PDB file of N, CA and C in Angstrom:
ATOM      1  N   MET A   1     -39.930 174.153 125.303  1.00  0.00           N
ATOM      2  CA  MET A   1     -40.153 173.613 124.211  1.00  0.00           C
ATOM      3  C   MET A   1     -38.864 173.228 123.153  1.00  0.00           C
ATOM      4  N   GLU A   2     -38.887 171.988 122.979  1.00  0.00           N
ATOM      5  CA  GLU A   2     -37.780 171.673 122.086  1.00  0.00           C
ATOM      6  C   GLU A   2     -37.636 171.967 120.524  1.00  0.00           C
ATOM      7  N   ARG A   3     -36.700 172.248 119.866  1.00  0.00           N
ATOM      8  CA  ARG A   3     -36.691 172.486 118.486  1.00  0.00           C
ATOM      9  C   ARG A   3     -36.834 171.201 117.708  1.00  0.00           C
ATOM     10  N   ARG A   4     -37.392 171.239 116.638  1.00  0.00           N
ATOM     11  CA  ARG A   4     -37.150 169.979 115.837  1.00  0.00           C
ATOM     12  C   ARG A   4     -35.853 170.347 114.948  1.00  0.00           C
ATOM     13  N   ARG A   5     -35.206 169.290 114.720  1.00  0.00           N
ATOM     14  CA  ARG A   5     -34.061 169.288 113.871  1.00  0.00           C
ATOM     15  C   ARG A   5     -34.376 168.378 112.652  1.00  0.00           C
ATOM     16  N   ILE A   6     -34.059 168.870 111.431  1.00  0.00           N
ATOM     17  CA  ILE A   6     -34.024 168.397 110.296  1.00  0.00           C
ATOM     18  C   ILE A   6     -32.730 168.107 109.876  1.00  0.00           C
ATOM     19  N   LYS A   7     -32.441 166.830 109.383  1.00  0.00           N
ATOM     20  CA  LYS A   7     -31.097 166.448 108.876  1.00  0.00           C
ATOM     21  C   LYS A   7     -31.090 166.395 107.358  1.00  0.00           C
ATOM     22  N   HIS A   8     -30.735 167.290 106.583  1.00  0.00           N
ATOM     23  CA  HIS A   8     -30.830 167.535 105.362  1.00  0.00           C
ATOM     24  C   HIS A   8     -29.786 166.557 104.605  1.00  0.00           C
ATOM     25  N   GLU A   9     -30.104 165.942 103.423  1.00  0.00           N
ATOM     26  CA  GLU A   9     -29.039 165.136 102.767  1.00  0.00           C
ATOM     27  C   GLU A   9     -28.385 165.891 101.687  1.00  0.00           C
ATOM     28  N   THR A  10     -28.546 167.054 101.555  1.00  0.00           N
ATOM     29  CA  THR A  10     -28.009 167.867 100.509  1.00  0.00           C
ATOM     30  C   THR A  10     -27.782 169.296 101.211  1.00  0.00           C
ATOM     31  N   SER A  11     -26.579 169.853 100.682  1.00  0.00           N
ATOM     32  CA  SER A  11     -26.353 171.271 101.205  1.00  0.00           C
ATOM     33  C   SER A  11     -27.359 172.334 100.907  1.00  0.00           C
ATOM     34  N   LEU A  12     -27.232 173.513 101.837  1.00  0.00           N
ATOM     35  CA  LEU A  12     -28.121 174.592 101.880  1.00  0.00           C
ATOM     36  C   LEU A  12     -27.941 175.156 100.068  1.00  0.00           C
ATOM     37  N   GLU A  13     -26.684 175.082  99.517  1.00  0.00           N
ATOM     38  CA  GLU A  13     -26.484 175.649  98.346  1.00  0.00           C
ATOM     39  C   GLU A  13     -27.207 174.834  97.097  1.00  0.00           C
ATOM     40  N   GLU A  14     -27.167 173.450  97.558  1.00  0.00           N
ATOM     41  CA  GLU A  14     -27.568 172.685  96.470  1.00  0.00           C
ATOM     42  C   GLU A  14     -29.120 172.624  96.401  1.00  0.00           C
ATOM     43  N   ARG A  15     -29.667 172.902  97.420  1.00  0.00           N
ATOM     44  CA  ARG A  15     -31.228 172.994  97.726  1.00  0.00           C
ATOM     45  C   ARG A  15     -31.821 174.351  97.061  1.00  0.00           C
ATOM     46  N   LEU A  16     -30.977 175.252  97.357  1.00  0.00           N
ATOM     47  CA  LEU A  16     -31.168 176.796  96.803  1.00  0.00           C
ATOM     48  C   LEU A  16     -31.095 176.485  95.013  1.00  0.00           C
ATOM     49  N   ALA A  17     -29.952 175.930  94.708  1.00  0.00           N
ATOM     50  CA  ALA A  17     -29.844 175.848  93.254  1.00  0.00           C
ATOM     51  C   ALA A  17     -31.117 174.780  92.635  1.00  0.00           C
ATOM     52  N   GLU A  18     -31.345 173.962  93.264  1.00  0.00           N
ATOM     53  CA  GLU A  18     -32.476 173.255  92.843  1.00  0.00           C
ATOM     54  C   GLU A  18     -33.814 173.740  92.665  1.00  0.00           C
ATOM     55  N   GLN A  19     -33.919 174.639  93.788  1.00  0.00           N
ATOM     56  CA  GLN A  19     -35.231 175.596  93.959  1.00  0.00           C
ATOM     57  C   GLN A  19     -35.230 176.666  92.663  1.00  0.00           C
ATOM     58  N   ALA A  20     -33.916 177.084  92.675  1.00  0.00           N
ATOM     59  CA  ALA A  20     -33.969 178.054  91.178  1.00  0.00           C
ATOM     60  C   ALA A  20     -34.182 177.392  89.942  1.00  0.00           C
ATOM     61  N   ARG A  21     -33.858 176.160  89.832  1.00  0.00           N
ATOM     62  CA  ARG A  21     -33.841 175.374  88.595  1.00  0.00           C
ATOM     63  C   ARG A  21     -35.521 175.281  88.098  1.00  0.00           C
ATOM     64  N   HIS A  22     -35.969 174.867  89.384  1.00  0.00           N
ATOM     65  CA  HIS A  22     -37.646 174.657  89.569  1.00  0.00           C
ATOM     66  C   HIS A  22     -38.100 176.040  89.273  1.00  0.00           C
ATOM     67  N   LEU A  23     -38.254 176.889  89.861  1.00  0.00           N
ATOM     68  CA  LEU A  23     -38.786 178.068  89.424  1.00  0.00           C
ATOM     69  C   LEU A  23     -38.633 178.597  88.125  1.00  0.00           C
ATOM     70  N   ARG A  24     -37.151 178.426  87.460  1.00  0.00           N
ATOM     71  CA  ARG A  24     -37.181 178.934  86.225  1.00  0.00           C
ATOM     72  C   ARG A  24     -37.799 178.072  85.351  1.00  0.00           C
ATOM     73  N   GLU A  25     -37.991 176.607  85.444  1.00  0.00           N
ATOM     74  CA  GLU A  25     -38.622 175.654  84.772  1.00  0.00           C
ATOM     75  C   GLU A  25     -40.416 175.970  84.734  1.00  0.00           C
ATOM     76  N   GLN A  26     -40.775 176.438  85.999  1.00  0.00           N
ATOM     77  CA  GLN A  26     -42.031 176.904  85.919  1.00  0.00           C
ATOM     78  C   GLN A  26     -42.417 177.978  85.043  1.00  0.00           C
ATOM     79  N   ALA A  27     -41.485 178.956  85.292  1.00  0.00           N
ATOM     80  CA  ALA A  27     -41.552 180.515  84.619  1.00  0.00           C
ATOM     81  C   ALA A  27     -41.630 180.227  82.932  1.00  0.00           C
ATOM     82  N   ARG A  28     -40.649 179.219  82.601  1.00  0.00           N
ATOM     83  CA  ARG A  28     -40.708 179.050  81.208  1.00  0.00           C
ATOM     84  C   ARG A  28     -41.918 178.523  80.326  1.00  0.00           C
ATOM     85  N   LYS A  29     -42.767 177.847  81.365  1.00  0.00           N
ATOM     86  CA  LYS A  29     -44.244 177.423  80.940  1.00  0.00           C
ATOM     87  C   LYS A  29     -45.403 178.600  80.885  1.00  0.00           C
ATOM     88  N   LEU A  30     -44.719 179.633  81.459  1.00  0.00           N
ATOM     89  CA  LEU A  30     -45.939 180.794  81.461  1.00  0.00           C
ATOM     90  C   LEU A  30     -45.728 181.862  80.634  1.00  0.00           C
ATOM     91  N   ARG A  31     -46.809 182.619  80.198  1.00  0.00           N
ATOM     92  CA  ARG A  31     -46.610 183.601  79.497  1.00  0.00           C
ATOM     93  C   ARG A  31     -46.163 184.920  79.871  1.00  0.00           C
ATOM     94  N   PRO A  32     -45.530 185.824  78.916  1.00  0.00           N
ATOM     95  CA  PRO A  32     -44.866 186.868  79.904  1.00  0.00           C
ATOM     96  C   PRO A  32     -45.923 187.692  80.757  1.00  0.00           C
ATOM     97  N   GLY A  33     -45.505 188.121  81.887  1.00  0.00           N
ATOM     98  CA  GLY A  33     -46.536 188.592  82.763  1.00  0.00           C
ATOM     99  C   GLY A  33     -46.039 188.659  84.390  1.00  0.00           C
ATOM    100  N   GLY A  34     -47.008 189.197  85.052  1.00  0.00           N
ATOM    101  CA  GLY A  34     -46.439 189.393  86.549  1.00  0.00           C
ATOM    102  C   GLY A  34     -46.274 188.211  87.311  1.00  0.00           C
ATOM    103  N   LYS A  35     -46.908 187.242  87.073  1.00  0.00           N
ATOM    104  CA  LYS A  35     -46.515 185.736  87.658  1.00  0.00           C
ATOM    105  C   LYS A  35     -45.216 185.336  87.260  1.00  0.00           C
ATOM    106  N   ARG A  36     -45.049 185.217  85.755  1.00  0.00           N
ATOM    107  CA  ARG A  36     -43.701 184.799  85.318  1.00  0.00           C
ATOM    108  C   ARG A  36     -42.578 185.432  85.899  1.00  0.00           C
ATOM    109  N   ASP A  37     -42.674 186.986  85.890  1.00  0.00           N
ATOM    110  CA  ASP A  37     -41.686 187.873  86.530  1.00  0.00           C
ATOM    111  C   ASP A  37     -41.468 187.526  87.853  1.00  0.00           C
ATOM    112  N   ASP A  38     -42.693 187.145  88.651  1.00  0.00           N
ATOM    113  CA  ASP A  38     -42.208 186.858  90.302  1.00  0.00           C
ATOM    114  C   ASP A  38     -41.239 185.509  90.281  1.00  0.00           C
ATOM    115  N   LEU A  39     -41.690 184.644  89.449  1.00  0.00           N
ATOM    116  CA  LEU A  39     -40.999 183.401  89.504  1.00  0.00           C
ATOM    117  C   LEU A  39     -39.536 183.563  89.259  1.00  0.00           C
ATOM    118  N   ILE A  40     -39.199 184.405  88.170  1.00  0.00           N
ATOM    119  CA  ILE A  40     -37.754 184.565  87.568  1.00  0.00           C
ATOM    120  C   ILE A  40     -37.261 185.542  88.783  1.00  0.00           C
ATOM    121  N   ARG A  41     -37.754 186.088  89.295  1.00  0.00           N
ATOM    122  CA  ARG A  41     -37.229 187.222  90.640  1.00  0.00           C
ATOM    123  C   ARG A  41     -36.992 186.273  91.798  1.00  0.00           C
ATOM    124  N   ARG A  42     -37.634 185.334  92.130  1.00  0.00           N
ATOM    125  CA  ARG A  42     -37.540 184.119  93.304  1.00  0.00           C
ATOM    126  C   ARG A  42     -36.466 183.286  92.924  1.00  0.00           C
ATOM    127  N   ALA A  43     -36.270 183.112  91.702  1.00  0.00           N
ATOM    128  CA  ALA A  43     -35.274 182.098  91.151  1.00  0.00           C
ATOM    129  C   ALA A  43     -33.987 182.708  91.174  1.00  0.00           C
ATOM    130  N   ARG A  44     -33.944 184.006  90.783  1.00  0.00           N
ATOM    131  CA  ARG A  44     -32.694 185.017  90.990  1.00  0.00           C
ATOM    132  C   ARG A  44     -32.096 184.998  92.321  1.00  0.00           C
ATOM    133  N   GLN A  45     -33.094 185.492  93.363  1.00  0.00           N
ATOM    134  CA  GLN A  45     -33.097 185.479  94.848  1.00  0.00           C
ATOM    135  C   GLN A  45     -32.145 184.122  95.342  1.00  0.00           C
ATOM    136  N   ALA A  46     -32.903 182.840  94.850  1.00  0.00           N
ATOM    137  CA  ALA A  46     -32.395 181.785  95.232  1.00  0.00           C
ATOM    138  C   ALA A  46     -31.169 181.553  94.619  1.00  0.00           C
ATOM    139  N   GLU A  47     -30.495 182.042  93.735  1.00  0.00           N
ATOM    140  CA  GLU A  47     -29.114 181.741  92.996  1.00  0.00           C
ATOM    141  C   GLU A  47     -28.295 182.421  93.890  1.00  0.00           C
ATOM    142  N   THR A  48     -28.631 183.819  94.016  1.00  0.00           N
ATOM    143  CA  THR A  48     -28.044 184.797  95.007  1.00  0.00           C
ATOM    144  C   THR A  48     -27.665 184.288  96.322  1.00  0.00           C
ATOM    145  N   ALA A  49     -28.666 183.765  96.967  1.00  0.00           N
ATOM    146  CA  ALA A  49     -28.642 183.117  98.290  1.00  0.00           C
ATOM    147  C   ALA A  49     -27.690 182.105  98.199  1.00  0.00           C
ATOM    148  N   ALA A  50     -27.691 181.097  97.248  1.00  0.00           N
ATOM    149  CA  ALA A  50     -26.617 180.157  97.322  1.00  0.00           C
ATOM    150  C   ALA A  50     -25.221 180.472  97.054  1.00  0.00           C
ATOM    151  N   HIS A  51     -24.923 181.706  96.139  1.00  0.00           N
ATOM    152  CA  HIS A  51     -23.637 182.049  95.941  1.00  0.00           C
ATOM    153  C   HIS A  51     -23.133 182.921  97.318  1.00  0.00           C
ATOM    154  N   VAL A  52     -23.888 183.524  97.986  1.00  0.00           N
ATOM    155  CA  VAL A  52     -23.588 184.178  99.245  1.00  0.00           C
ATOM    156  C   VAL A  52     -23.353 183.119 100.221  1.00  0.00           C
ATOM    157  N   SER A  53     -24.174 182.156 100.397  1.00  0.00           N
ATOM    158  CA  SER A  53     -23.925 181.052 101.299  1.00  0.00           C
ATOM    159  C   SER A  53     -22.458 180.242 101.089  1.00  0.00           C
ATOM    160  N   GLU A  54     -22.309 180.054  99.795  1.00  0.00           N
ATOM    161  CA  GLU A  54     -20.914 179.395  99.200  1.00  0.00           C
ATOM    162  C   GLU A  54     -20.020 180.253  99.623  1.00  0.00           C
ATOM    163  N   TRP A  55     -20.054 181.545  99.233  1.00  0.00           N
ATOM    164  CA  TRP A  55     -18.954 182.496  99.951  1.00  0.00           C
ATOM    165  C   TRP A  55     -18.560 182.582 101.294  1.00  0.00           C
ATOM    166  N   LEU A  56     -19.709 182.789 102.134  1.00  0.00           N
ATOM    167  CA  LEU A  56     -19.572 182.664 103.382  1.00  0.00           C
ATOM    168  C   LEU A  56     -18.871 181.611 103.995  1.00  0.00           C
ATOM    169  N   SER A  57     -19.061 180.442 103.542  1.00  0.00           N
ATOM    170  CA  SER A  57     -18.673 179.289 104.214  1.00  0.00           C
ATOM    171  C   SER A  57     -17.369 178.716 103.516  1.00  0.00           C
ATOM    172  N   SER A  58     -16.649 179.808 102.667  1.00  0.00           N
ATOM    173  CA  SER A  58     -15.480 179.379 101.969  1.00  0.00           C
ATOM    174  C   SER A  58     -14.226 179.391 103.067  1.00  0.00           C
ATOM    175  N   PRO A  59     -13.314 178.846 102.895  1.00  0.00           N
ATOM    176  CA  PRO A  59     -12.124 178.802 103.757  1.00  0.00           C
ATOM    177  C   PRO A  59     -11.251 180.081 103.390  1.00  0.00           C
ATOM    178  N   GLY A  60     -11.468 180.779 102.258  1.00  0.00           N
ATOM    179  CA  GLY A  60     -10.690 181.904 102.268  1.00  0.00           C
ATOM    180  C   GLY A  60     -11.236 183.193 102.657  1.00  0.00           C
ATOM    181  N   LEU A  61     -12.311 183.140 103.203  1.00  0.00           N
ATOM    182  CA  LEU A  61     -13.111 184.273 103.588  1.00  0.00           C
ATOM    183  C   LEU A  61     -12.281 184.666 104.917  1.00  0.00           C
ATOM    184  N   GLN A  62     -11.921 186.289 104.555  1.00  0.00           N
ATOM    185  CA  GLN A  62     -11.152 187.066 105.560  1.00  0.00           C
ATOM    186  C   GLN A  62     -12.242 187.895 106.566  1.00  0.00           C
ATOM    187  N   PRO A  63     -11.992 187.986 107.542  1.00  0.00           N
ATOM    188  CA  PRO A  63     -12.619 188.724 108.652  1.00  0.00           C
ATOM    189  C   PRO A  63     -12.581 190.368 108.016  1.00  0.00           C
ATOM    190  N   PRO A  64     -13.623 191.337 108.431  1.00  0.00           N
ATOM    191  CA  PRO A  64     -13.805 192.517 108.056  1.00  0.00           C
ATOM    192  C   PRO A  64     -12.442 193.441 108.909  1.00  0.00           C
ATOM    193  N   LYS A  65     -11.808 193.981 108.212  1.00  0.00           N
ATOM    194  CA  LYS A  65     -10.880 194.912 108.892  1.00  0.00           C
ATOM    195  C   LYS A  65     -11.330 196.361 109.465  1.00  0.00           C
TER     196      LYS A  65
END
């Protein structure tokens, strides 16, 4: 079985940042409550994932000692 490859036009960090913006935009339209809190939590997770991915791919990253 062969894996399907997807060629992305934007970086992972950019896609995660866009997802976070979209989730926060959706959350702004909702009243305070569980659904809104969930969207905000998911936006924060996407932002954190973007930062971690950026950090991991940075040239200054040192191996653990």
